Amino acid sequence: MKLEFVDINISKGKPKATIHLSGKLGFNNEAIQFMGLERRPLYKLAKSESNGDLYLLEVKEENGAAKAAKAGKYFYLNVGDAFDRLELDYKNNTIIFDITKESYEGQPLYVLSKRILPRNKQ
């Protein structure tokens, strides 16, 4: 039998975002680089009617958009009001999004695939 071994890179992180108790959407370092948040882009939030995924579309106009903000070395979007309207229970659950990139009408579109875990209240 001949085996072909595949290298495993355990240090490679994946772009992720988490809803904080304040309602802010915080990004990990991989997401900051992946999305180019250092440029402080504006994003509109959209939801899928079919699968519950959320989307961030980079836009130029400020109307109805959130601007990437920075606290220390981390970036976030202040979109808690939208999460409240979407009835995401981030106060009682930890809501994590895996981030992938697609395209929508020639613009970068970031797909936020949701995972919900009960929040440890201890």
PDB file of N, CA and C in Angstrom:
ATOM      1  N   MET A   1       0.852  -1.169   0.000  1.00  0.00           N
ATOM      2  CA  MET A   1       0.000   0.000   0.000  1.00  0.00           C
ATOM      3  C   MET A   1       0.896   1.230   0.000  1.00  0.00           C
ATOM      4  N   LYS A   2       0.531   2.208  -0.832  1.00  0.00           N
ATOM      5  CA  LYS A   2       1.277   3.463  -0.907  1.00  0.00           C
ATOM      6  C   LYS A   2       0.416   4.579  -0.321  1.00  0.00           C
ATOM      7  N   LEU A   3       0.981   5.301   0.642  1.00  0.00           N
ATOM      8  CA  LEU A   3       0.259   6.387   1.299  1.00  0.00           C
ATOM      9  C   LEU A   3       0.837   7.725   0.884  1.00  0.00           C
ATOM     10  N   GLU A   4      -0.039   8.699   0.715  1.00  0.00           N
ATOM     11  CA  GLU A   4       0.391  10.076   0.459  1.00  0.00           C
ATOM     12  C   GLU A   4      -0.036  10.899   1.665  1.00  0.00           C
ATOM     13  N   PHE A   5       0.935  11.471   2.350  1.00  0.00           N
ATOM     14  CA  PHE A   5       0.644  12.233   3.560  1.00  0.00           C
ATOM     15  C   PHE A   5       0.371  13.693   3.210  1.00  0.00           C
ATOM     16  N   VAL A   6      -0.591  14.262   3.917  1.00  0.00           N
ATOM     17  CA  VAL A   6      -0.977  15.647   3.721  1.00  0.00           C
ATOM     18  C   VAL A   6      -0.560  16.420   4.957  1.00  0.00           C
ATOM     19  N   ASP A   7       0.153  17.527   4.753  1.00  0.00           N
ATOM     20  CA  ASP A   7       0.566  18.358   5.882  1.00  0.00           C
ATOM     21  C   ASP A   7      -0.657  18.981   6.543  1.00  0.00           C
ATOM     22  N   ILE A   8      -0.619  19.041   7.850  1.00  0.00           N
ATOM     23  CA  ILE A   8      -1.692  19.642   8.627  1.00  0.00           C
ATOM     24  C   ILE A   8      -1.147  20.893   9.284  1.00  0.00           C
ATOM     25  N   ASN A   9      -1.818  22.015   9.044  1.00  0.00           N
ATOM     26  CA  ASN A   9      -1.411  23.279   9.632  1.00  0.00           C
ATOM     27  C   ASN A   9      -2.381  23.606  10.763  1.00  0.00           C
ATOM     28  N   ILE A  10      -1.991  23.283  11.997  1.00  0.00           N
ATOM     29  CA  ILE A  10      -2.889  23.508  13.129  1.00  0.00           C
ATOM     30  C   ILE A  10      -2.888  24.967  13.595  1.00  0.00           C
ATOM     31  N   SER A  11      -1.958  25.774  13.096  1.00  0.00           N
ATOM     32  CA  SER A  11      -1.900  27.167  13.532  1.00  0.00           C
ATOM     33  C   SER A  11      -2.750  28.081  12.661  1.00  0.00           C
ATOM     34  N   LYS A  12      -3.278  27.573  11.560  1.00  0.00           N
ATOM     35  CA  LYS A  12      -4.079  28.412  10.681  1.00  0.00           C
ATOM     36  C   LYS A  12      -5.469  28.593  11.261  1.00  0.00           C
ATOM     37  N   GLY A  13      -5.790  29.824  11.611  1.00  0.00           N
ATOM     38  CA  GLY A  13      -7.105  30.135  12.151  1.00  0.00           C
ATOM     39  C   GLY A  13      -8.099  30.415  11.038  1.00  0.00           C
ATOM     40  N   LYS A  14      -9.356  30.462  11.399  1.00  0.00           N
ATOM     41  CA  LYS A  14     -10.412  30.728  10.436  1.00  0.00           C
ATOM     42  C   LYS A  14     -11.089  32.038  10.798  1.00  0.00           C
ATOM     43  N   PRO A  15     -11.509  32.796   9.789  1.00  0.00           N
ATOM     44  CA  PRO A  15     -12.209  34.055  10.072  1.00  0.00           C
ATOM     45  C   PRO A  15     -13.528  33.789  10.795  1.00  0.00           C
ATOM     46  N   LYS A  16     -13.698  34.461  11.926  1.00  0.00           N
ATOM     47  CA  LYS A  16     -14.899  34.285  12.738  1.00  0.00           C
ATOM     48  C   LYS A  16     -15.312  35.631  13.343  1.00  0.00           C
ATOM     49  N   ALA A  17     -16.578  35.704  13.693  1.00  0.00           N
ATOM     50  CA  ALA A  17     -17.112  36.860  14.404  1.00  0.00           C
ATOM     51  C   ALA A  17     -18.042  36.343  15.486  1.00  0.00           C
ATOM     52  N   THR A  18     -18.152  37.088  16.570  1.00  0.00           N
ATOM     53  CA  THR A  18     -19.003  36.708  17.692  1.00  0.00           C
ATOM     54  C   THR A  18     -19.804  37.923  18.136  1.00  0.00           C
ATOM     55  N   ILE A  19     -21.065  37.693  18.464  1.00  0.00           N
ATOM     56  CA  ILE A  19     -21.879  38.773  19.006  1.00  0.00           C
ATOM     57  C   ILE A  19     -21.562  38.901  20.494  1.00  0.00           C
ATOM     58  N   HIS A  20     -21.110  40.078  20.903  1.00  0.00           N
ATOM     59  CA  HIS A  20     -20.818  40.341  22.308  1.00  0.00           C
ATOM     60  C   HIS A  20     -22.119  40.606  23.058  1.00  0.00           C
ATOM     61  N   LEU A  21     -22.076  40.547  24.369  1.00  0.00           N
ATOM     62  CA  LEU A  21     -23.258  40.842  25.182  1.00  0.00           C
ATOM     63  C   LEU A  21     -23.807  42.245  24.923  1.00  0.00           C
ATOM     64  N   SER A  22     -22.951  43.144  24.479  1.00  0.00           N
ATOM     65  CA  SER A  22     -23.374  44.515  24.165  1.00  0.00           C
ATOM     66  C   SER A  22     -24.105  44.596  22.830  1.00  0.00           C
ATOM     67  N   GLY A  23     -24.091  43.519  22.062  1.00  0.00           N
ATOM     68  CA  GLY A  23     -24.709  43.514  20.736  1.00  0.00           C
ATOM     69  C   GLY A  23     -23.733  43.829  19.624  1.00  0.00           C
ATOM     70  N   LYS A  24     -22.512  44.199  19.975  1.00  0.00           N
ATOM     71  CA  LYS A  24     -21.507  44.484  18.950  1.00  0.00           C
ATOM     72  C   LYS A  24     -21.019  43.174  18.340  1.00  0.00           C
ATOM     73  N   LEU A  25     -20.730  43.212  17.050  1.00  0.00           N
ATOM     74  CA  LEU A  25     -20.200  42.051  16.347  1.00  0.00           C
ATOM     75  C   LEU A  25     -18.686  42.185  16.309  1.00  0.00           C
ATOM     76  N   GLY A  26     -17.987  41.368  17.097  1.00  0.00           N
ATOM     77  CA  GLY A  26     -16.533  41.430  17.201  1.00  0.00           C
ATOM     78  C   GLY A  26     -15.874  40.402  16.288  1.00  0.00           C
ATOM     79  N   PHE A  27     -14.731  40.760  15.722  1.00  0.00           N
ATOM     80  CA  PHE A  27     -14.031  39.923  14.754  1.00  0.00           C
ATOM     81  C   PHE A  27     -12.706  39.424  15.315  1.00  0.00           C
ATOM     82  N   ASN A  28     -12.341  38.183  14.964  1.00  0.00           N
ATOM     83  CA  ASN A  28     -11.024  37.687  15.355  1.00  0.00           C
ATOM     84  C   ASN A  28      -9.966  38.223  14.382  1.00  0.00           C
ATOM     85  N   ASN A  29      -8.697  37.995  14.684  1.00  0.00           N
ATOM     86  CA  ASN A  29      -7.607  38.524  13.860  1.00  0.00           C
ATOM     87  C   ASN A  29      -7.672  38.037  12.425  1.00  0.00           C
ATOM     88  N   GLU A  30      -8.052  36.780  12.221  1.00  0.00           N
ATOM     89  CA  GLU A  30      -8.133  36.240  10.869  1.00  0.00           C
ATOM     90  C   GLU A  30      -9.221  36.963  10.064  1.00  0.00           C
ATOM     91  N   ALA A  31     -10.336  37.277  10.704  1.00  0.00           N
ATOM     92  CA  ALA A  31     -11.413  38.007  10.032  1.00  0.00           C
ATOM     93  C   ALA A  31     -10.981  39.441   9.716  1.00  0.00           C
ATOM     94  N   ILE A  32     -10.234  40.059  10.617  1.00  0.00           N
ATOM     95  CA  ILE A  32      -9.749  41.426  10.395  1.00  0.00           C
ATOM     96  C   ILE A  32      -8.924  41.478   9.118  1.00  0.00           C
ATOM     97  N   GLN A  33      -8.028  40.523   8.957  1.00  0.00           N
ATOM     98  CA  GLN A  33      -7.201  40.477   7.750  1.00  0.00           C
ATOM     99  C   GLN A  33      -8.017  40.069   6.533  1.00  0.00           C
ATOM    100  N   PHE A  34      -8.847  39.050   6.670  1.00  0.00           N
ATOM    101  CA  PHE A  34      -9.653  38.505   5.584  1.00  0.00           C
ATOM    102  C   PHE A  34     -10.569  39.564   4.970  1.00  0.00           C
ATOM    103  N   MET A  35     -11.161  40.404   5.834  1.00  0.00           N
ATOM    104  CA  MET A  35     -12.123  41.399   5.383  1.00  0.00           C
ATOM    105  C   MET A  35     -11.507  42.780   5.167  1.00  0.00           C
ATOM    106  N   GLY A  36     -10.243  42.940   5.507  1.00  0.00           N
ATOM    107  CA  GLY A  36      -9.590  44.237   5.349  1.00  0.00           C
ATOM    108  C   GLY A  36     -10.200  45.308   6.239  1.00  0.00           C
ATOM    109  N   LEU A  37     -10.489  44.959   7.484  1.00  0.00           N
ATOM    110  CA  LEU A  37     -11.164  45.888   8.382  1.00  0.00           C
ATOM    111  C   LEU A  37     -10.311  47.094   8.761  1.00  0.00           C
ATOM    112  N   GLU A  38      -8.996  47.000   8.559  1.00  0.00           N
ATOM    113  CA  GLU A  38      -8.126  48.149   8.853  1.00  0.00           C
ATOM    114  C   GLU A  38      -8.513  49.362   8.013  1.00  0.00           C
ATOM    115  N   ARG A  39      -9.125  49.127   6.853  1.00  0.00           N
ATOM    116  CA  ARG A  39      -9.552  50.224   5.971  1.00  0.00           C
ATOM    117  C   ARG A  39     -10.792  50.925   6.514  1.00  0.00           C
ATOM    118  N   ARG A  40     -11.415  50.354   7.548  1.00  0.00           N
ATOM    119  CA  ARG A  40     -12.639  50.871   8.160  1.00  0.00           C
ATOM    120  C   ARG A  40     -13.789  50.978   7.148  1.00  0.00           C
ATOM    121  N   PRO A  41     -14.080  49.880   6.464  1.00  0.00           N
ATOM    122  CA  PRO A  41     -15.168  49.916   5.472  1.00  0.00           C
ATOM    123  C   PRO A  41     -16.547  50.000   6.122  1.00  0.00           C
ATOM    124  N   LEU A  42     -17.528  50.326   5.305  1.00  0.00           N
ATOM    125  CA  LEU A  42     -18.935  50.342   5.698  1.00  0.00           C
ATOM    126  C   LEU A  42     -19.587  49.054   5.224  1.00  0.00           C
ATOM    127  N   TYR A  43     -20.506  48.516   6.020  1.00  0.00           N
ATOM    128  CA  TYR A  43     -21.196  47.281   5.658  1.00  0.00           C
ATOM    129  C   TYR A  43     -22.687  47.418   5.865  1.00  0.00           C
ATOM    130  N   LYS A  44     -23.440  46.839   4.934  1.00  0.00           N
ATOM    131  CA  LYS A  44     -24.871  46.647   5.115  1.00  0.00           C
ATOM    132  C   LYS A  44     -25.080  45.195   5.496  1.00  0.00           C
ATOM    133  N   LEU A  45     -26.044  44.966   6.377  1.00  0.00           N
ATOM    134  CA  LEU A  45     -26.356  43.639   6.866  1.00  0.00           C
ATOM    135  C   LEU A  45     -27.592  43.123   6.143  1.00  0.00           C
ATOM    136  N   ALA A  46     -27.526  41.885   5.677  1.00  0.00           N
ATOM    137  CA  ALA A  46     -28.665  41.247   5.018  1.00  0.00           C
ATOM    138  C   ALA A  46     -28.846  39.863   5.609  1.00  0.00           C
ATOM    139  N   LYS A  47     -30.050  39.310   5.429  1.00  0.00           N
ATOM    140  CA  LYS A  47     -30.301  37.953   5.899  1.00  0.00           C
ATOM    141  C   LYS A  47     -30.830  37.119   4.742  1.00  0.00           C
ATOM    142  N   SER A  48     -30.577  35.838   4.830  1.00  0.00           N
ATOM    143  CA  SER A  48     -31.089  34.897   3.853  1.00  0.00           C
ATOM    144  C   SER A  48     -32.506  34.513   4.241  1.00  0.00           C
ATOM    145  N   GLU A  49     -33.372  34.473   3.261  1.00  0.00           N
ATOM    146  CA  GLU A  49     -34.747  34.046   3.534  1.00  0.00           C
ATOM    147  C   GLU A  49     -34.837  32.533   3.661  1.00  0.00           C
ATOM    148  N   SER A  50     -33.822  31.820   3.150  1.00  0.00           N
ATOM    149  CA  SER A  50     -33.936  30.361   3.114  1.00  0.00           C
ATOM    150  C   SER A  50     -33.175  29.643   4.221  1.00  0.00           C
ATOM    151  N   ASN A  51     -31.939  30.066   4.523  1.00  0.00           N
ATOM    152  CA  ASN A  51     -31.132  29.255   5.440  1.00  0.00           C
ATOM    153  C   ASN A  51     -30.723  29.940   6.737  1.00  0.00           C
ATOM    154  N   GLY A  52     -31.105  31.179   6.946  1.00  0.00           N
ATOM    155  CA  GLY A  52     -30.783  31.858   8.194  1.00  0.00           C
ATOM    156  C   GLY A  52     -29.402  32.484   8.246  1.00  0.00           C
ATOM    157  N   ASP A  53     -28.610  32.332   7.187  1.00  0.00           N
ATOM    158  CA  ASP A  53     -27.298  32.981   7.166  1.00  0.00           C
ATOM    159  C   ASP A  53     -27.481  34.495   7.102  1.00  0.00           C
ATOM    160  N   LEU A  54     -26.476  35.199   7.604  1.00  0.00           N
ATOM    161  CA  LEU A  54     -26.426  36.649   7.487  1.00  0.00           C
ATOM    162  C   LEU A  54     -25.309  36.998   6.523  1.00  0.00           C
ATOM    163  N   TYR A  55     -25.390  38.197   5.966  1.00  0.00           N
ATOM    164  CA  TYR A  55     -24.412  38.641   4.981  1.00  0.00           C
ATOM    165  C   TYR A  55     -23.989  40.062   5.297  1.00  0.00           C
ATOM    166  N   LEU A  56     -22.721  40.348   5.063  1.00  0.00           N
ATOM    167  CA  LEU A  56     -22.208  41.713   5.144  1.00  0.00           C
ATOM    168  C   LEU A  56     -21.746  42.105   3.758  1.00  0.00           C
ATOM    169  N   LEU A  57     -22.333  43.177   3.225  1.00  0.00           N
ATOM    170  CA  LEU A  57     -21.974  43.685   1.909  1.00  0.00           C
ATOM    171  C   LEU A  57     -21.244  45.004   2.101  1.00  0.00           C
ATOM    172  N   GLU A  58     -20.034  45.090   1.570  1.00  0.00           N
ATOM    173  CA  GLU A  58     -19.268  46.324   1.665  1.00  0.00           C
ATOM    174  C   GLU A  58     -19.889  47.361   0.737  1.00  0.00           C
ATOM    175  N   VAL A  59     -20.169  48.542   1.290  1.00  0.00           N
ATOM    176  CA  VAL A  59     -20.831  49.606   0.537  1.00  0.00           C
ATOM    177  C   VAL A  59     -20.072  50.914   0.699  1.00  0.00           C
ATOM    178  N   LYS A  60     -20.446  51.901  -0.110  1.00  0.00           N
ATOM    179  CA  LYS A  60     -19.826  53.229  -0.037  1.00  0.00           C
ATOM    180  C   LYS A  60     -20.684  54.219   0.747  1.00  0.00           C
ATOM    181  N   GLU A  61     -22.024  54.094   0.628  1.00  0.00           N
ATOM    182  CA  GLU A  61     -22.911  55.060   1.282  1.00  0.00           C
ATOM    183  C   GLU A  61     -23.171  54.676   2.731  1.00  0.00           C
ATOM    184  N   GLU A  62     -23.310  55.681   3.585  1.00  0.00           N
ATOM    185  CA  GLU A  62     -23.475  55.445   5.017  1.00  0.00           C
ATOM    186  C   GLU A  62     -24.905  55.128   5.424  1.00  0.00           C
ATOM    187  N   ASN A  63     -25.885  55.477   4.597  1.00  0.00           N
ATOM    188  CA  ASN A  63     -27.290  55.287   4.955  1.00  0.00           C
ATOM    189  C   ASN A  63     -27.605  53.805   5.160  1.00  0.00           C
ATOM    190  N   GLY A  64     -27.987  53.454   6.398  1.00  0.00           N
ATOM    191  CA  GLY A  64     -28.341  52.077   6.714  1.00  0.00           C
ATOM    192  C   GLY A  64     -27.155  51.140   6.841  1.00  0.00           C
ATOM    193  N   ALA A  65     -25.949  51.688   6.937  1.00  0.00           N
ATOM    194  CA  ALA A  65     -24.730  50.876   7.017  1.00  0.00           C
ATOM    195  C   ALA A  65     -24.026  51.097   8.349  1.00  0.00           C
ATOM    196  N   ALA A  66     -23.167  50.157   8.710  1.00  0.00           N
ATOM    197  CA  ALA A  66     -22.347  50.262   9.917  1.00  0.00           C
ATOM    198  C   ALA A  66     -20.886  50.350   9.500  1.00  0.00           C
ATOM    199  N   LYS A  67     -20.154  51.207  10.178  1.00  0.00           N
ATOM    200  CA  LYS A  67     -18.734  51.382   9.883  1.00  0.00           C
ATOM    201  C   LYS A  67     -17.910  50.544  10.854  1.00  0.00           C
ATOM    202  N   ALA A  68     -16.896  49.889  10.324  1.00  0.00           N
ATOM    203  CA  ALA A  68     -15.995  49.120  11.179  1.00  0.00           C
ATOM    204  C   ALA A  68     -15.321  50.074  12.160  1.00  0.00           C
ATOM    205  N   ALA A  69     -15.405  49.735  13.432  1.00  0.00           N
ATOM    206  CA  ALA A  69     -14.801  50.545  14.491  1.00  0.00           C
ATOM    207  C   ALA A  69     -13.728  49.704  15.177  1.00  0.00           C
ATOM    208  N   LYS A  70     -12.845  50.388  15.903  1.00  0.00           N
ATOM    209  CA  LYS A  70     -11.735  49.696  16.553  1.00  0.00           C
ATOM    210  C   LYS A  70     -11.720  50.004  18.038  1.00  0.00           C
ATOM    211  N   ALA A  71     -11.497  48.962  18.836  1.00  0.00           N
ATOM    212  CA  ALA A  71     -11.305  49.099  20.284  1.00  0.00           C
ATOM    213  C   ALA A  71     -10.054  48.307  20.619  1.00  0.00           C
ATOM    214  N   GLY A  72      -8.991  49.002  20.986  1.00  0.00           N
ATOM    215  CA  GLY A  72      -7.711  48.324  21.202  1.00  0.00           C
ATOM    216  C   GLY A  72      -7.201  47.799  19.876  1.00  0.00           C
ATOM    217  N   LYS A  73      -6.926  46.497  19.818  1.00  0.00           N
ATOM    218  CA  LYS A  73      -6.457  45.930  18.552  1.00  0.00           C
ATOM    219  C   LYS A  73      -7.553  45.175  17.798  1.00  0.00           C
ATOM    220  N   TYR A  74      -8.774  45.234  18.323  1.00  0.00           N
ATOM    221  CA  TYR A  74      -9.880  44.490  17.723  1.00  0.00           C
ATOM    222  C   TYR A  74     -10.872  45.411  17.027  1.00  0.00           C
ATOM    223  N   PHE A  75     -11.537  44.868  16.027  1.00  0.00           N
ATOM    224  CA  PHE A  75     -12.541  45.599  15.269  1.00  0.00           C
ATOM    225  C   PHE A  75     -13.921  45.025  15.559  1.00  0.00           C
ATOM    226  N   TYR A  76     -14.916  45.880  15.412  1.00  0.00           N
ATOM    227  CA  TYR A  76     -16.292  45.452  15.639  1.00  0.00           C
ATOM    228  C   TYR A  76     -17.229  46.296  14.791  1.00  0.00           C
ATOM    229  N   LEU A  77     -18.453  45.820  14.650  1.00  0.00           N
ATOM    230  CA  LEU A  77     -19.550  46.579  14.048  1.00  0.00           C
ATOM    231  C   LEU A  77     -20.614  46.748  15.124  1.00  0.00           C
ATOM    232  N   ASN A  78     -21.096  47.957  15.290  1.00  0.00           N
ATOM    233  CA  ASN A  78     -22.119  48.235  16.285  1.00  0.00           C
ATOM    234  C   ASN A  78     -23.488  48.007  15.642  1.00  0.00           C
ATOM    235  N   VAL A  79     -23.922  46.754  15.610  1.00  0.00           N
ATOM    236  CA  VAL A  79     -25.154  46.370  14.916  1.00  0.00           C
ATOM    237  C   VAL A  79     -26.135  45.646  15.833  1.00  0.00           C
ATOM    238  N   GLY A  80     -26.047  45.895  17.132  1.00  0.00           N
ATOM    239  CA  GLY A  80     -26.912  45.220  18.093  1.00  0.00           C
ATOM    240  C   GLY A  80     -28.387  45.451  17.834  1.00  0.00           C
ATOM    241  N   ASP A  81     -28.762  46.656  17.367  1.00  0.00           N
ATOM    242  CA  ASP A  81     -30.176  46.914  17.084  1.00  0.00           C
ATOM    243  C   ASP A  81     -30.695  45.990  15.989  1.00  0.00           C
ATOM    244  N   ALA A  82     -29.873  45.711  14.986  1.00  0.00           N
ATOM    245  CA  ALA A  82     -30.274  44.795  13.912  1.00  0.00           C
ATOM    246  C   ALA A  82     -30.413  43.374  14.452  1.00  0.00           C
ATOM    247  N   PHE A  83     -29.487  42.965  15.316  1.00  0.00           N
ATOM    248  CA  PHE A  83     -29.585  41.626  15.908  1.00  0.00           C
ATOM    249  C   PHE A  83     -30.845  41.501  16.762  1.00  0.00           C
ATOM    250  N   ASP A  84     -31.217  42.589  17.445  1.00  0.00           N
ATOM    251  CA  ASP A  84     -32.445  42.572  18.230  1.00  0.00           C
ATOM    252  C   ASP A  84     -33.665  42.409  17.318  1.00  0.00           C
ATOM    253  N   ARG A  85     -33.701  43.147  16.202  1.00  0.00           N
ATOM    254  CA  ARG A  85     -34.812  43.029  15.256  1.00  0.00           C
ATOM    255  C   ARG A  85     -34.872  41.644  14.619  1.00  0.00           C
ATOM    256  N   LEU A  86     -33.701  41.008  14.450  1.00  0.00           N
ATOM    257  CA  LEU A  86     -33.647  39.654  13.899  1.00  0.00           C
ATOM    258  C   LEU A  86     -33.932  38.595  14.959  1.00  0.00           C
ATOM    259  N   GLU A  87     -34.166  39.051  16.193  1.00  0.00           N
ATOM    260  CA  GLU A  87     -34.473  38.185  17.329  1.00  0.00           C
ATOM    261  C   GLU A  87     -33.386  37.143  17.597  1.00  0.00           C
ATOM    262  N   LEU A  88     -32.133  37.586  17.514  1.00  0.00           N
ATOM    263  CA  LEU A  88     -31.009  36.726  17.874  1.00  0.00           C
ATOM    264  C   LEU A  88     -30.774  36.875  19.373  1.00  0.00           C
ATOM    265  N   ASP A  89     -30.917  35.816  20.112  1.00  0.00           N
ATOM    266  CA  ASP A  89     -30.818  35.849  21.568  1.00  0.00           C
ATOM    267  C   ASP A  89     -29.355  35.738  22.012  1.00  0.00           C
ATOM    268  N   TYR A  90     -28.600  36.817  21.798  1.00  0.00           N
ATOM    269  CA  TYR A  90     -27.176  36.821  22.143  1.00  0.00           C
ATOM    270  C   TYR A  90     -26.944  37.044  23.635  1.00  0.00           C
ATOM    271  N   LYS A  91     -27.980  37.380  24.382  1.00  0.00           N
ATOM    272  CA  LYS A  91     -27.825  37.547  25.832  1.00  0.00           C
ATOM    273  C   LYS A  91     -27.784  36.197  26.538  1.00  0.00           C
ATOM    274  N   ASN A  92     -28.528  35.220  26.022  1.00  0.00           N
ATOM    275  CA  ASN A  92     -28.584  33.892  26.634  1.00  0.00           C
ATOM    276  C   ASN A  92     -27.777  32.848  25.878  1.00  0.00           C
ATOM    277  N   ASN A  93     -27.285  33.200  24.702  1.00  0.00           N
ATOM    278  CA  ASN A  93     -26.516  32.262  23.881  1.00  0.00           C
ATOM    279  C   ASN A  93     -25.260  32.929  23.356  1.00  0.00           C
ATOM    280  N   THR A  94     -24.242  32.128  23.120  1.00  0.00           N
ATOM    281  CA  THR A  94     -23.062  32.594  22.409  1.00  0.00           C
ATOM    282  C   THR A  94     -23.328  32.340  20.933  1.00  0.00           C
ATOM    283  N   ILE A  95     -23.300  33.401  20.143  1.00  0.00           N
ATOM    284  CA  ILE A  95     -23.564  33.267  18.713  1.00  0.00           C
ATOM    285  C   ILE A  95     -22.275  33.594  17.968  1.00  0.00           C
ATOM    286  N   ILE A  96     -21.771  32.584  17.275  1.00  0.00           N
ATOM    287  CA  ILE A  96     -20.514  32.669  16.539  1.00  0.00           C
ATOM    288  C   ILE A  96     -20.822  32.523  15.055  1.00  0.00           C
ATOM    289  N   PHE A  97     -20.137  33.297  14.240  1.00  0.00           N
ATOM    290  CA  PHE A  97     -20.301  33.205  12.794  1.00  0.00           C
ATOM    291  C   PHE A  97     -18.975  32.796  12.152  1.00  0.00           C
ATOM    292  N   ASP A  98     -19.017  31.774  11.305  1.00  0.00           N
ATOM    293  CA  ASP A  98     -17.890  31.443  10.440  1.00  0.00           C
ATOM    294  C   ASP A  98     -18.049  32.315   9.199  1.00  0.00           C
ATOM    295  N   ILE A  99     -16.953  32.926   8.753  1.00  0.00           N
ATOM    296  CA  ILE A  99     -17.021  33.905   7.671  1.00  0.00           C
ATOM    297  C   ILE A  99     -16.371  33.343   6.411  1.00  0.00           C
ATOM    298  N   THR A 100     -17.121  33.390   5.314  1.00  0.00           N
ATOM    299  CA  THR A 100     -16.587  33.064   3.994  1.00  0.00           C
ATOM    300  C   THR A 100     -16.898  34.231   3.064  1.00  0.00           C
ATOM    301  N   LYS A 101     -16.257  34.223   1.905  1.00  0.00           N
ATOM    302  CA  LYS A 101     -16.398  35.348   0.989  1.00  0.00           C
ATOM    303  C   LYS A 101     -16.992  34.873  -0.329  1.00  0.00           C
ATOM    304  N   GLU A 102     -17.962  35.643  -0.802  1.00  0.00           N
ATOM    305  CA  GLU A 102     -18.562  35.437  -2.115  1.00  0.00           C
ATOM    306  C   GLU A 102     -18.607  36.787  -2.808  1.00  0.00           C
ATOM    307  N   SER A 103     -19.329  36.849  -3.900  1.00  0.00           N
ATOM    308  CA  SER A 103     -19.476  38.101  -4.629  1.00  0.00           C
ATOM    309  C   SER A 103     -20.957  38.351  -4.888  1.00  0.00           C
ATOM    310  N   TYR A 104     -21.356  39.615  -4.802  1.00  0.00           N
ATOM    311  CA  TYR A 104     -22.732  40.006  -5.070  1.00  0.00           C
ATOM    312  C   TYR A 104     -22.707  41.274  -5.914  1.00  0.00           C
ATOM    313  N   GLU A 105     -23.168  41.168  -7.144  1.00  0.00           N
ATOM    314  CA  GLU A 105     -23.167  42.290  -8.084  1.00  0.00           C
ATOM    315  C   GLU A 105     -21.795  42.958  -8.157  1.00  0.00           C
ATOM    316  N   GLY A 106     -20.751  42.132  -8.189  1.00  0.00           N
ATOM    317  CA  GLY A 106     -19.387  42.625  -8.321  1.00  0.00           C
ATOM    318  C   GLY A 106     -18.754  43.148  -7.044  1.00  0.00           C
ATOM    319  N   GLN A 107     -19.465  43.088  -5.933  1.00  0.00           N
ATOM    320  CA  GLN A 107     -18.954  43.563  -4.647  1.00  0.00           C
ATOM    321  C   GLN A 107     -18.638  42.378  -3.746  1.00  0.00           C
ATOM    322  N   PRO A 108     -17.640  42.530  -2.865  1.00  0.00           N
ATOM    323  CA  PRO A 108     -17.377  41.462  -1.891  1.00  0.00           C
ATOM    324  C   PRO A 108     -18.572  41.276  -0.953  1.00  0.00           C
ATOM    325  N   LEU A 109     -18.968  40.043  -0.771  1.00  0.00           N
ATOM    326  CA  LEU A 109     -20.067  39.696   0.107  1.00  0.00           C
ATOM    327  C   LEU A 109     -19.553  38.668   1.101  1.00  0.00           C
ATOM    328  N   TYR A 110     -19.666  38.967   2.370  1.00  0.00           N
ATOM    329  CA  TYR A 110     -19.182  38.067   3.411  1.00  0.00           C
ATOM    330  C   TYR A 110     -20.377  37.304   3.996  1.00  0.00           C
ATOM    331  N   VAL A 111     -20.282  35.980   3.919  1.00  0.00           N
ATOM    332  CA  VAL A 111     -21.336  35.102   4.411  1.00  0.00           C
ATOM    333  C   VAL A 111     -21.028  34.772   5.866  1.00  0.00           C
ATOM    334  N   LEU A 112     -21.999  35.008   6.748  1.00  0.00           N
ATOM    335  CA  LEU A 112     -21.851  34.726   8.174  1.00  0.00           C
ATOM    336  C   LEU A 112     -22.719  33.512   8.501  1.00  0.00           C
ATOM    337  N   SER A 113     -22.077  32.351   8.595  1.00  0.00           N
ATOM    338  CA  SER A 113     -22.784  31.111   8.916  1.00  0.00           C
ATOM    339  C   SER A 113     -22.832  30.954  10.425  1.00  0.00           C
ATOM    340  N   LYS A 114     -24.036  30.875  10.948  1.00  0.00           N
ATOM    341  CA  LYS A 114     -24.287  30.982  12.386  1.00  0.00           C
ATOM    342  C   LYS A 114     -24.148  29.644  13.108  1.00  0.00           C
ATOM    343  N   ARG A 115     -23.535  29.718  14.305  1.00  0.00           N
ATOM    344  CA  ARG A 115     -23.527  28.610  15.271  1.00  0.00           C
ATOM    345  C   ARG A 115     -23.992  29.196  16.596  1.00  0.00           C
ATOM    346  N   ILE A 116     -24.934  28.528  17.236  1.00  0.00           N
ATOM    347  CA  ILE A 116     -25.472  29.016  18.509  1.00  0.00           C
ATOM    348  C   ILE A 116     -25.161  28.001  19.601  1.00  0.00           C
ATOM    349  N   LEU A 117     -24.537  28.489  20.673  1.00  0.00           N
ATOM    350  CA  LEU A 117     -24.193  27.656  21.820  1.00  0.00           C
ATOM    351  C   LEU A 117     -24.789  28.291  23.072  1.00  0.00           C
ATOM    352  N   PRO A 118     -25.314  27.501  24.000  1.00  0.00           N
ATOM    353  CA  PRO A 118     -25.824  28.089  25.238  1.00  0.00           C
ATOM    354  C   PRO A 118     -24.695  28.826  25.968  1.00  0.00           C
ATOM    355  N   ARG A 119     -25.003  30.033  26.437  1.00  0.00           N
ATOM    356  CA  ARG A 119     -23.991  30.842  27.142  1.00  0.00           C
ATOM    357  C   ARG A 119     -23.767  30.253  28.529  1.00  0.00           C
ATOM    358  N   ASN A 120     -22.501  30.131  28.905  1.00  0.00           N
ATOM    359  CA  ASN A 120     -22.143  29.664  30.241  1.00  0.00           C
ATOM    360  C   ASN A 120     -22.329  30.849  31.193  1.00  0.00           C
ATOM    361  N   LYS A 121     -23.300  30.767  32.055  1.00  0.00           N
ATOM    362  CA  LYS A 121     -23.638  31.899  32.934  1.00  0.00           C
ATOM    363  C   LYS A 121     -22.938  31.846  34.271  1.00  0.00           C
ATOM    364  N   GLN A 122     -21.977  30.955  34.442  1.00  0.00           N
ATOM    365  CA  GLN A 122     -21.275  30.858  35.722  1.00  0.00           C
ATOM    366  C   GLN A 122     -20.068  31.738  35.764  1.00  0.00           C
TER     367      GLN A 122
END
